[in-house]
Amino acid sequence: MSPILLVWYVTTFVDTLLAIAAAVVGVLAFVRAWMSPANAYDFAGKRPKNTWLALTGGSAAVSLFSVFAAVTGGGNSVLILQLVAAVISCVFLAGVWPSVGRRRF
């Protein structure tokens, strides 16, 4: 096996693992945004629920698409979109969910 082919296999494998991890985080953020009550966002002083549903839903969709792109070998072409989607999901999980997730009205 040539070294170039070995590097291609390793990078495809790593891209696929990172894309799967980002997709899991994106779907988790969307589900948690969906399950929290709408008035908890207002009470915590955060953006409205519909805003976070749109942001996390879009990031989950991009993350799931990036899994497909990574498996087919085009993982590097959507890398910046995957990064933006992961940041949006992580911002929700780290900054918004602790404020609105515990409130049940």
PDB file of N, CA and C in Angstrom:
ATOM      1  N   MET A   1       0.852  -1.172   0.000  1.00  0.00           N
ATOM      2  CA  MET A   1       0.000   0.000   0.000  1.00  0.00           C
ATOM      3  C   MET A   1       0.900   1.237   0.000  1.00  0.00           C
ATOM      4  N   SER A   2       0.536   2.176  -0.817  1.00  0.00           N
ATOM      5  CA  SER A   2       1.349   3.387  -0.921  1.00  0.00           C
ATOM      6  C   SER A   2       1.072   4.310   0.272  1.00  0.00           C
ATOM      7  N   PRO A   3       2.027   5.125   0.647  1.00  0.00           N
ATOM      8  CA  PRO A   3       1.825   6.037   1.778  1.00  0.00           C
ATOM      9  C   PRO A   3       0.725   7.059   1.530  1.00  0.00           C
ATOM     10  N   ILE A   4       0.564   7.480   0.309  1.00  0.00           N
ATOM     11  CA  ILE A   4      -0.489   8.457   0.003  1.00  0.00           C
ATOM     12  C   ILE A   4      -1.862   7.839   0.218  1.00  0.00           C
ATOM     13  N   LEU A   5      -2.034   6.608  -0.189  1.00  0.00           N
ATOM     14  CA  LEU A   5      -3.300   5.927   0.011  1.00  0.00           C
ATOM     15  C   LEU A   5      -3.575   5.692   1.493  1.00  0.00           C
ATOM     16  N   LEU A   6      -2.546   5.370   2.244  1.00  0.00           N
ATOM     17  CA  LEU A   6      -2.689   5.182   3.683  1.00  0.00           C
ATOM     18  C   LEU A   6      -3.116   6.480   4.364  1.00  0.00           C
ATOM     19  N   VAL A   7      -2.528   7.582   3.974  1.00  0.00           N
ATOM     20  CA  VAL A   7      -2.909   8.882   4.534  1.00  0.00           C
ATOM     21  C   VAL A   7      -4.352   9.211   4.174  1.00  0.00           C
ATOM     22  N   TRP A   8      -4.765   8.897   2.950  1.00  0.00           N
ATOM     23  CA  TRP A   8      -6.140   9.151   2.543  1.00  0.00           C
ATOM     24  C   TRP A   8      -7.116   8.336   3.385  1.00  0.00           C
ATOM     25  N   TYR A   9      -6.804   7.066   3.632  1.00  0.00           N
ATOM     26  CA  TYR A   9      -7.668   6.230   4.467  1.00  0.00           C
ATOM     27  C   TYR A   9      -7.761   6.768   5.895  1.00  0.00           C
ATOM     28  N   VAL A  10      -6.642   7.172   6.438  1.00  0.00           N
ATOM     29  CA  VAL A  10      -6.644   7.681   7.820  1.00  0.00           C
ATOM     30  C   VAL A  10      -7.437   8.980   7.913  1.00  0.00           C
ATOM     31  N   THR A  11      -7.241   9.890   6.983  1.00  0.00           N
ATOM     32  CA  THR A  11      -7.980  11.151   7.044  1.00  0.00           C
ATOM     33  C   THR A  11      -9.478  10.944   6.818  1.00  0.00           C
ATOM     34  N   THR A  12      -9.842  10.023   5.947  1.00  0.00           N
ATOM     35  CA  THR A  12     -11.262   9.722   5.757  1.00  0.00           C
ATOM     36  C   THR A  12     -11.860   9.127   7.022  1.00  0.00           C
ATOM     37  N   PHE A  13     -11.123   8.261   7.692  1.00  0.00           N
ATOM     38  CA  PHE A  13     -11.594   7.667   8.937  1.00  0.00           C
ATOM     39  C   PHE A  13     -11.755   8.717  10.029  1.00  0.00           C
ATOM     40  N   VAL A  14     -10.782   9.597  10.157  1.00  0.00           N
ATOM     41  CA  VAL A  14     -10.856  10.650  11.176  1.00  0.00           C
ATOM     42  C   VAL A  14     -11.974  11.639  10.853  1.00  0.00           C
ATOM     43  N   ASP A  15     -12.124  12.016   9.590  1.00  0.00           N
ATOM     44  CA  ASP A  15     -13.226  12.898   9.188  1.00  0.00           C
ATOM     45  C   ASP A  15     -14.579  12.276   9.501  1.00  0.00           C
ATOM     46  N   THR A  16     -14.703  10.981   9.261  1.00  0.00           N
ATOM     47  CA  THR A  16     -15.964  10.301   9.543  1.00  0.00           C
ATOM     48  C   THR A  16     -16.261  10.265  11.036  1.00  0.00           C
ATOM     49  N   LEU A  17     -15.262   9.986  11.843  1.00  0.00           N
ATOM     50  CA  LEU A  17     -15.469   9.975  13.304  1.00  0.00           C
ATOM     51  C   LEU A  17     -15.859  11.351  13.821  1.00  0.00           C
ATOM     52  N   LEU A  18     -15.185  12.390  13.357  1.00  0.00           N
ATOM     53  CA  LEU A  18     -15.524  13.744  13.795  1.00  0.00           C
ATOM     54  C   LEU A  18     -16.910  14.161  13.312  1.00  0.00           C
ATOM     55  N   ALA A  19     -17.288  13.756  12.128  1.00  0.00           N
ATOM     56  CA  ALA A  19     -18.609  14.081  11.608  1.00  0.00           C
ATOM     57  C   ALA A  19     -19.698  13.368  12.404  1.00  0.00           C
ATOM     58  N   ILE A  20     -19.455  12.126  12.786  1.00  0.00           N
ATOM     59  CA  ILE A  20     -20.434  11.400  13.601  1.00  0.00           C
ATOM     60  C   ILE A  20     -20.570  12.047  14.972  1.00  0.00           C
ATOM     61  N   ALA A  21     -19.456  12.443  15.577  1.00  0.00           N
ATOM     62  CA  ALA A  21     -19.510  13.101  16.883  1.00  0.00           C
ATOM     63  C   ALA A  21     -20.267  14.428  16.794  1.00  0.00           C
ATOM     64  N   ALA A  22     -20.023  15.207  15.746  1.00  0.00           N
ATOM     65  CA  ALA A  22     -20.731  16.470  15.568  1.00  0.00           C
ATOM     66  C   ALA A  22     -22.216  16.246  15.317  1.00  0.00           C
ATOM     67  N   ALA A  23     -22.553  15.182  14.603  1.00  0.00           N
ATOM     68  CA  ALA A  23     -23.962  14.880  14.350  1.00  0.00           C
ATOM     69  C   ALA A  23     -24.681  14.475  15.624  1.00  0.00           C
ATOM     70  N   VAL A  24     -24.028  13.713  16.471  1.00  0.00           N
ATOM     71  CA  VAL A  24     -24.641  13.320  17.746  1.00  0.00           C
ATOM     72  C   VAL A  24     -24.884  14.556  18.615  1.00  0.00           C
ATOM     73  N   VAL A  25     -23.908  15.444  18.678  1.00  0.00           N
ATOM     74  CA  VAL A  25     -24.064  16.670  19.467  1.00  0.00           C
ATOM     75  C   VAL A  25     -25.155  17.554  18.869  1.00  0.00           C
ATOM     76  N   GLY A  26     -25.212  17.653  17.560  1.00  0.00           N
ATOM     77  CA  GLY A  26     -26.233  18.467  16.907  1.00  0.00           C
ATOM     78  C   GLY A  26     -27.640  17.948  17.128  1.00  0.00           C
ATOM     79  N   VAL A  27     -27.817  16.660  17.008  1.00  0.00           N
ATOM     80  CA  VAL A  27     -29.140  16.073  17.235  1.00  0.00           C
ATOM     81  C   VAL A  27     -29.528  16.190  18.712  1.00  0.00           C
ATOM     82  N   LEU A  28     -28.578  15.988  19.612  1.00  0.00           N
ATOM     83  CA  LEU A  28     -28.850  16.140  21.039  1.00  0.00           C
ATOM     84  C   LEU A  28     -29.276  17.570  21.370  1.00  0.00           C
ATOM     85  N   ALA A  29     -28.599  18.559  20.799  1.00  0.00           N
ATOM     86  CA  ALA A  29     -28.970  19.958  21.040  1.00  0.00           C
ATOM     87  C   ALA A  29     -30.361  20.257  20.495  1.00  0.00           C
ATOM     88  N   PHE A  30     -30.686  19.734  19.326  1.00  0.00           N
ATOM     89  CA  PHE A  30     -32.015  19.971  18.758  1.00  0.00           C
ATOM     90  C   PHE A  30     -33.105  19.327  19.608  1.00  0.00           C
ATOM     91  N   VAL A  31     -32.874  18.116  20.063  1.00  0.00           N
ATOM     92  CA  VAL A  31     -33.880  17.437  20.897  1.00  0.00           C
ATOM     93  C   VAL A  31     -34.082  18.178  22.214  1.00  0.00           C
ATOM     94  N   ARG A  32     -32.996  18.627  22.815  1.00  0.00           N
ATOM     95  CA  ARG A  32     -33.128  19.364  24.078  1.00  0.00           C
ATOM     96  C   ARG A  32     -33.794  20.723  23.870  1.00  0.00           C
ATOM     97  N   ALA A  33     -33.533  21.371  22.746  1.00  0.00           N
ATOM     98  CA  ALA A  33     -34.213  22.634  22.450  1.00  0.00           C
ATOM     99  C   ALA A  33     -35.696  22.402  22.219  1.00  0.00           C
ATOM    100  N   TRP A  34     -36.029  21.297  21.616  1.00  0.00           N
ATOM    101  CA  TRP A  34     -37.429  20.973  21.342  1.00  0.00           C
ATOM    102  C   TRP A  34     -38.194  20.648  22.632  1.00  0.00           C
ATOM    103  N   MET A  35     -37.548  19.969  23.567  1.00  0.00           N
ATOM    104  CA  MET A  35     -38.241  19.497  24.765  1.00  0.00           C
ATOM    105  C   MET A  35     -38.411  20.569  25.842  1.00  0.00           C
ATOM    106  N   SER A  36     -37.623  21.611  25.818  1.00  0.00           N
ATOM    107  CA  SER A  36     -37.747  22.621  26.865  1.00  0.00           C
ATOM    108  C   SER A  36     -38.933  23.534  26.578  1.00  0.00           C
ATOM    109  N   PRO A  37     -39.601  24.018  27.622  1.00  0.00           N
ATOM    110  CA  PRO A  37     -40.786  24.866  27.422  1.00  0.00           C
ATOM    111  C   PRO A  37     -40.410  26.246  26.882  1.00  0.00           C
ATOM    112  N   ALA A  38     -41.318  26.832  26.119  1.00  0.00           N
ATOM    113  CA  ALA A  38     -41.043  28.106  25.460  1.00  0.00           C
ATOM    114  C   ALA A  38     -40.887  29.251  26.454  1.00  0.00           C
ATOM    115  N   ASN A  39     -41.649  29.231  27.536  1.00  0.00           N
ATOM    116  CA  ASN A  39     -41.556  30.348  28.475  1.00  0.00           C
ATOM    117  C   ASN A  39     -40.289  30.284  29.331  1.00  0.00           C
ATOM    118  N   ALA A  40     -39.589  29.167  29.345  1.00  0.00           N
ATOM    119  CA  ALA A  40     -38.327  29.082  30.086  1.00  0.00           C
ATOM    120  C   ALA A  40     -37.258  29.940  29.426  1.00  0.00           C
ATOM    121  N   TYR A  41     -37.314  30.057  28.101  1.00  0.00           N
ATOM    122  CA  TYR A  41     -36.358  30.901  27.398  1.00  0.00           C
ATOM    123  C   TYR A  41     -36.574  32.373  27.766  1.00  0.00           C
ATOM    124  N   ASP A  42     -37.837  32.792  27.814  1.00  0.00           N
ATOM    125  CA  ASP A  42     -38.138  34.168  28.194  1.00  0.00           C
ATOM    126  C   ASP A  42     -37.756  34.439  29.646  1.00  0.00           C
ATOM    127  N   PHE A  43     -38.051  33.493  30.504  1.00  0.00           N
ATOM    128  CA  PHE A  43     -37.759  33.655  31.923  1.00  0.00           C
ATOM    129  C   PHE A  43     -36.253  33.737  32.180  1.00  0.00           C
ATOM    130  N   ALA A  44     -35.462  33.005  31.412  1.00  0.00           N
ATOM    131  CA  ALA A  44     -34.006  33.003  31.587  1.00  0.00           C
ATOM    132  C   ALA A  44     -33.330  34.155  30.853  1.00  0.00           C
ATOM    133  N   GLY A  45     -34.077  34.916  30.059  1.00  0.00           N
ATOM    134  CA  GLY A  45     -33.496  36.030  29.324  1.00  0.00           C
ATOM    135  C   GLY A  45     -32.707  35.604  28.105  1.00  0.00           C
ATOM    136  N   LYS A  46     -33.064  34.487  27.529  1.00  0.00           N
ATOM    137  CA  LYS A  46     -32.376  33.978  26.329  1.00  0.00           C
ATOM    138  C   LYS A  46     -33.205  34.292  25.092  1.00  0.00           C
ATOM    139  N   ARG A  47     -32.656  33.985  23.934  1.00  0.00           N
ATOM    140  CA  ARG A  47     -33.403  34.153  22.684  1.00  0.00           C
ATOM    141  C   ARG A  47     -34.621  33.234  22.703  1.00  0.00           C
ATOM    142  N   PRO A  48     -35.645  33.543  21.909  1.00  0.00           N
ATOM    143  CA  PRO A  48     -36.858  32.710  21.929  1.00  0.00           C
ATOM    144  C   PRO A  48     -36.594  31.269  21.485  1.00  0.00           C
ATOM    145  N   LYS A  49     -37.539  30.401  21.835  1.00  0.00           N
ATOM    146  CA  LYS A  49     -37.409  28.977  21.527  1.00  0.00           C
ATOM    147  C   LYS A  49     -37.321  28.733  20.031  1.00  0.00           C
ATOM    148  N   ASN A  50     -38.111  29.467  19.243  1.00  0.00           N
ATOM    149  CA  ASN A  50     -38.095  29.260  17.792  1.00  0.00           C
ATOM    150  C   ASN A  50     -36.729  29.579  17.187  1.00  0.00           C
ATOM    151  N   THR A  51     -36.042  30.563  17.743  1.00  0.00           N
ATOM    152  CA  THR A  51     -34.707  30.895  17.256  1.00  0.00           C
ATOM    153  C   THR A  51     -33.755  29.736  17.496  1.00  0.00           C
ATOM    154  N   TRP A  52     -33.798  29.190  18.712  1.00  0.00           N
ATOM    155  CA  TRP A  52     -32.891  28.082  19.021  1.00  0.00           C
ATOM    156  C   TRP A  52     -33.287  26.810  18.296  1.00  0.00           C
ATOM    157  N   LEU A  53     -34.573  26.615  18.049  1.00  0.00           N
ATOM    158  CA  LEU A  53     -34.986  25.461  17.247  1.00  0.00           C
ATOM    159  C   LEU A  53     -34.453  25.577  15.819  1.00  0.00           C
ATOM    160  N   ALA A  54     -34.515  26.771  15.251  1.00  0.00           N
ATOM    161  CA  ALA A  54     -34.001  26.958  13.888  1.00  0.00           C
ATOM    162  C   ALA A  54     -32.489  26.774  13.848  1.00  0.00           C
ATOM    163  N   LEU A  55     -31.778  27.354  14.808  1.00  0.00           N
ATOM    164  CA  LEU A  55     -30.324  27.242  14.812  1.00  0.00           C
ATOM    165  C   LEU A  55     -29.862  25.806  15.041  1.00  0.00           C
ATOM    166  N   THR A  56     -30.418  25.147  16.049  1.00  0.00           N
ATOM    167  CA  THR A  56     -29.975  23.784  16.334  1.00  0.00           C
ATOM    168  C   THR A  56     -30.482  22.792  15.287  1.00  0.00           C
ATOM    169  N   GLY A  57     -31.659  23.042  14.732  1.00  0.00           N
ATOM    170  CA  GLY A  57     -32.154  22.180  13.655  1.00  0.00           C
ATOM    171  C   GLY A  57     -31.301  22.284  12.411  1.00  0.00           C
ATOM    172  N   GLY A  58     -30.911  23.510  12.068  1.00  0.00           N
ATOM    173  CA  GLY A  58     -30.024  23.697  10.930  1.00  0.00           C
ATOM    174  C   GLY A  58     -28.653  23.078  11.158  1.00  0.00           C
ATOM    175  N   SER A  59     -28.155  23.221  12.382  1.00  0.00           N
ATOM    176  CA  SER A  59     -26.845  22.627  12.667  1.00  0.00           C
ATOM    177  C   SER A  59     -26.919  21.102  12.683  1.00  0.00           C
ATOM    178  N   ALA A  60     -28.031  20.542  13.132  1.00  0.00           N
ATOM    179  CA  ALA A  60     -28.190  19.084  13.086  1.00  0.00           C
ATOM    180  C   ALA A  60     -28.265  18.593  11.644  1.00  0.00           C
ATOM    181  N   ALA A  61     -28.961  19.334  10.797  1.00  0.00           N
ATOM    182  CA  ALA A  61     -29.059  18.941   9.391  1.00  0.00           C
ATOM    183  C   ALA A  61     -27.702  19.018   8.702  1.00  0.00           C
ATOM    184  N   VAL A  62     -26.955  20.081   8.953  1.00  0.00           N
ATOM    185  CA  VAL A  62     -25.623  20.211   8.361  1.00  0.00           C
ATOM    186  C   VAL A  62     -24.708  19.112   8.876  1.00  0.00           C
ATOM    187  N   SER A  63     -24.815  18.789  10.166  1.00  0.00           N
ATOM    188  CA  SER A  63     -23.971  17.739  10.737  1.00  0.00           C
ATOM    189  C   SER A  63     -24.296  16.372  10.136  1.00  0.00           C
ATOM    190  N   LEU A  64     -25.574  16.091   9.942  1.00  0.00           N
ATOM    191  CA  LEU A  64     -25.943  14.817   9.324  1.00  0.00           C
ATOM    192  C   LEU A  64     -25.483  14.766   7.863  1.00  0.00           C
ATOM    193  N   PHE A  65     -25.559  15.888   7.167  1.00  0.00           N
ATOM    194  CA  PHE A  65     -25.051  15.932   5.800  1.00  0.00           C
ATOM    195  C   PHE A  65     -23.540  15.741   5.771  1.00  0.00           C
ATOM    196  N   SER A  66     -22.852  16.271   6.772  1.00  0.00           N
ATOM    197  CA  SER A  66     -21.399  16.136   6.786  1.00  0.00           C
ATOM    198  C   SER A  66     -20.970  14.694   7.044  1.00  0.00           C
ATOM    199  N   VAL A  67     -21.808  13.909   7.736  1.00  0.00           N
ATOM    200  CA  VAL A  67     -21.510  12.480   7.885  1.00  0.00           C
ATOM    201  C   VAL A  67     -21.548  11.810   6.516  1.00  0.00           C
ATOM    202  N   PHE A  68     -22.569  12.129   5.739  1.00  0.00           N
ATOM    203  CA  PHE A  68     -22.663  11.578   4.388  1.00  0.00           C
ATOM    204  C   PHE A  68     -21.469  12.002   3.541  1.00  0.00           C
ATOM    205  N   ALA A  69     -21.090  13.270   3.657  1.00  0.00           N
ATOM    206  CA  ALA A  69     -19.960  13.768   2.872  1.00  0.00           C
ATOM    207  C   ALA A  69     -18.652  13.117   3.305  1.00  0.00           C
ATOM    208  N   ALA A  70     -18.491  12.871   4.590  1.00  0.00           N
ATOM    209  CA  ALA A  70     -17.255  12.253   5.076  1.00  0.00           C
ATOM    210  C   ALA A  70     -17.162  10.793   4.638  1.00  0.00           C
ATOM    211  N   VAL A  71     -18.277  10.097   4.636  1.00  0.00           N
ATOM    212  CA  VAL A  71     -18.268   8.684   4.239  1.00  0.00           C
ATOM    213  C   VAL A  71     -17.966   8.547   2.749  1.00  0.00           C
ATOM    214  N   THR A  72     -18.486   9.461   1.953  1.00  0.00           N
ATOM    215  CA  THR A  72     -18.261   9.370   0.513  1.00  0.00           C
ATOM    216  C   THR A  72     -16.927   9.965   0.079  1.00  0.00           C
ATOM    217  N   GLY A  73     -16.180  10.537   1.017  1.00  0.00           N
ATOM    218  CA  GLY A  73     -14.854  11.039   0.683  1.00  0.00           C
ATOM    219  C   GLY A  73     -14.776  12.530   0.458  1.00  0.00           C
ATOM    220  N   GLY A  74     -15.857  13.249   0.594  1.00  0.00           N
ATOM    221  CA  GLY A  74     -15.834  14.705   0.400  1.00  0.00           C
ATOM    222  C   GLY A  74     -15.885  15.460   1.704  1.00  0.00           C
ATOM    223  N   GLY A  75     -15.290  14.921   2.747  1.00  0.00           N
ATOM    224  CA  GLY A  75     -15.369  15.526   4.070  1.00  0.00           C
ATOM    225  C   GLY A  75     -14.714  16.879   4.181  1.00  0.00           C
ATOM    226  N   ASN A  76     -13.660  17.108   3.428  1.00  0.00           N
ATOM    227  CA  ASN A  76     -12.967  18.382   3.519  1.00  0.00           C
ATOM    228  C   ASN A  76     -13.730  19.520   2.877  1.00  0.00           C
ATOM    229  N   SER A  77     -14.668  19.213   1.999  1.00  0.00           N
ATOM    230  CA  SER A  77     -15.401  20.277   1.317  1.00  0.00           C
ATOM    231  C   SER A  77     -16.447  20.934   2.209  1.00  0.00           C
ATOM    232  N   VAL A  78     -16.898  20.268   3.246  1.00  0.00           N
ATOM    233  CA  VAL A  78     -17.906  20.838   4.143  1.00  0.00           C
ATOM    234  C   VAL A  78     -17.352  21.042   5.546  1.00  0.00           C
ATOM    235  N   LEU A  79     -16.052  21.124   5.664  1.00  0.00           N
ATOM    236  CA  LEU A  79     -15.429  21.209   6.978  1.00  0.00           C
ATOM    237  C   LEU A  79     -15.787  22.488   7.714  1.00  0.00           C
ATOM    238  N   ILE A  80     -15.833  23.632   7.033  1.00  0.00           N
ATOM    239  CA  ILE A  80     -16.160  24.889   7.707  1.00  0.00           C
ATOM    240  C   ILE A  80     -17.617  24.898   8.144  1.00  0.00           C
ATOM    241  N   LEU A  81     -18.503  24.323   7.334  1.00  0.00           N
ATOM    242  CA  LEU A  81     -19.907  24.237   7.741  1.00  0.00           C
ATOM    243  C   LEU A  81     -20.076  23.322   8.942  1.00  0.00           C
ATOM    244  N   GLN A  82     -19.322  22.242   8.959  1.00  0.00           N
ATOM    245  CA  GLN A  82     -19.367  21.323  10.087  1.00  0.00           C
ATOM    246  C   GLN A  82     -18.874  22.007  11.355  1.00  0.00           C
ATOM    247  N   LEU A  83     -17.861  22.819  11.253  1.00  0.00           N
ATOM    248  CA  LEU A  83     -17.343  23.544  12.401  1.00  0.00           C
ATOM    249  C   LEU A  83     -18.359  24.554  12.925  1.00  0.00           C
ATOM    250  N   VAL A  84     -18.997  25.295  12.042  1.00  0.00           N
ATOM    251  CA  VAL A  84     -20.011  26.263  12.452  1.00  0.00           C
ATOM    252  C   VAL A  84     -21.189  25.555  13.114  1.00  0.00           C
ATOM    253  N   ALA A  85     -21.614  24.431  12.560  1.00  0.00           N
ATOM    254  CA  ALA A  85     -22.726  23.674  13.142  1.00  0.00           C
ATOM    255  C   ALA A  85     -22.374  23.144  14.527  1.00  0.00           C
ATOM    256  N   ALA A  86     -21.167  22.661  14.693  1.00  0.00           N
ATOM    257  CA  ALA A  86     -20.745  22.162  16.006  1.00  0.00           C
ATOM    258  C   ALA A  86     -20.663  23.285  17.027  1.00  0.00           C
ATOM    259  N   VAL A  87     -20.221  24.459  16.613  1.00  0.00           N
ATOM    260  CA  VAL A  87     -20.150  25.597  17.536  1.00  0.00           C
ATOM    261  C   VAL A  87     -21.546  26.027  17.968  1.00  0.00           C
ATOM    262  N   ILE A  88     -22.493  26.077  17.043  1.00  0.00           N
ATOM    263  CA  ILE A  88     -23.863  26.453  17.397  1.00  0.00           C
ATOM    264  C   ILE A  88     -24.447  25.454  18.388  1.00  0.00           C
ATOM    265  N   SER A  89     -24.262  24.178  18.134  1.00  0.00           N
ATOM    266  CA  SER A  89     -24.793  23.156  19.041  1.00  0.00           C
ATOM    267  C   SER A  89     -24.133  23.235  20.414  1.00  0.00           C
ATOM    268  N   CYS A  90     -22.835  23.450  20.444  1.00  0.00           N
ATOM    269  CA  CYS A  90     -22.130  23.526  21.727  1.00  0.00           C
ATOM    270  C   CYS A  90     -22.493  24.788  22.498  1.00  0.00           C
ATOM    271  N   VAL A  91     -22.734  25.893  21.797  1.00  0.00           N
ATOM    272  CA  VAL A  91     -23.174  27.118  22.479  1.00  0.00           C
ATOM    273  C   VAL A  91     -24.527  26.888  23.134  1.00  0.00           C
ATOM    274  N   PHE A  92     -25.427  26.203  22.437  1.00  0.00           N
ATOM    275  CA  PHE A  92     -26.721  25.918  23.043  1.00  0.00           C
ATOM    276  C   PHE A  92     -26.567  25.009  24.259  1.00  0.00           C
ATOM    277  N   LEU A  93     -25.803  23.942  24.117  1.00  0.00           N
ATOM    278  CA  LEU A  93     -25.673  22.979  25.212  1.00  0.00           C
ATOM    279  C   LEU A  93     -24.924  23.559  26.407  1.00  0.00           C
ATOM    280  N   ALA A  94     -23.981  24.457  26.177  1.00  0.00           N
ATOM    281  CA  ALA A  94     -23.188  24.997  27.280  1.00  0.00           C
ATOM    282  C   ALA A  94     -23.771  26.275  27.871  1.00  0.00           C
ATOM    283  N   GLY A  95     -24.454  27.082  27.067  1.00  0.00           N
ATOM    284  CA  GLY A  95     -24.914  28.365  27.553  1.00  0.00           C
ATOM    285  C   GLY A  95     -26.400  28.498  27.772  1.00  0.00           C
ATOM    286  N   VAL A  96     -27.189  27.857  26.936  1.00  0.00           N
ATOM    287  CA  VAL A  96     -28.642  28.032  27.016  1.00  0.00           C
ATOM    288  C   VAL A  96     -29.297  26.898  27.783  1.00  0.00           C
ATOM    289  N   TRP A  97     -28.905  25.680  27.502  1.00  0.00           N
ATOM    290  CA  TRP A  97     -29.559  24.531  28.129  1.00  0.00           C
ATOM    291  C   TRP A  97     -29.471  24.533  29.656  1.00  0.00           C
ATOM    292  N   PRO A  98     -28.333  24.902  30.274  1.00  0.00           N
ATOM    293  CA  PRO A  98     -28.332  24.943  31.736  1.00  0.00           C
ATOM    294  C   PRO A  98     -29.337  25.943  32.313  1.00  0.00           C
ATOM    295  N   SER A  99     -29.648  26.995  31.566  1.00  0.00           N
ATOM    296  CA  SER A  99     -30.605  27.994  32.058  1.00  0.00           C
ATOM    297  C   SER A  99     -32.050  27.563  31.857  1.00  0.00           C
ATOM    298  N   VAL A 100     -32.347  26.917  30.744  1.00  0.00           N
ATOM    299  CA  VAL A 100     -33.734  26.592  30.433  1.00  0.00           C
ATOM    300  C   VAL A 100     -34.079  25.124  30.645  1.00  0.00           C
ATOM    301  N   GLY A 101     -33.107  24.277  30.785  1.00  0.00           N
ATOM    302  CA  GLY A 101     -33.383  22.846  30.869  1.00  0.00           C
ATOM    303  C   GLY A 101     -33.975  22.391  32.185  1.00  0.00           C
ATOM    304  N   ARG A 102     -33.703  23.093  33.235  1.00  0.00           N
ATOM    305  CA  ARG A 102     -34.184  22.666  34.546  1.00  0.00           C
ATOM    306  C   ARG A 102     -35.550  23.246  34.885  1.00  0.00           C
ATOM    307  N   ARG A 103     -36.013  24.193  34.106  1.00  0.00           N
ATOM    308  CA  ARG A 103     -37.286  24.840  34.388  1.00  0.00           C
ATOM    309  C   ARG A 103     -38.416  24.048  33.743  1.00  0.00           C
ATOM    310  N   ARG A 104     -39.355  23.647  34.529  1.00  0.00           N
ATOM    311  CA  ARG A 104     -40.549  22.966  34.021  1.00  0.00           C
ATOM    312  C   ARG A 104     -41.773  23.728  34.527  1.00  0.00           C
ATOM    313  N   PHE A 105     -42.454  24.397  33.596  1.00  0.00           N
ATOM    314  CA  PHE A 105     -43.607  25.214  33.980  1.00  0.00           C
ATOM    315  C   PHE A 105     -44.886  24.545  33.566  1.00  0.00           C
TER     316      PHE A 105
END
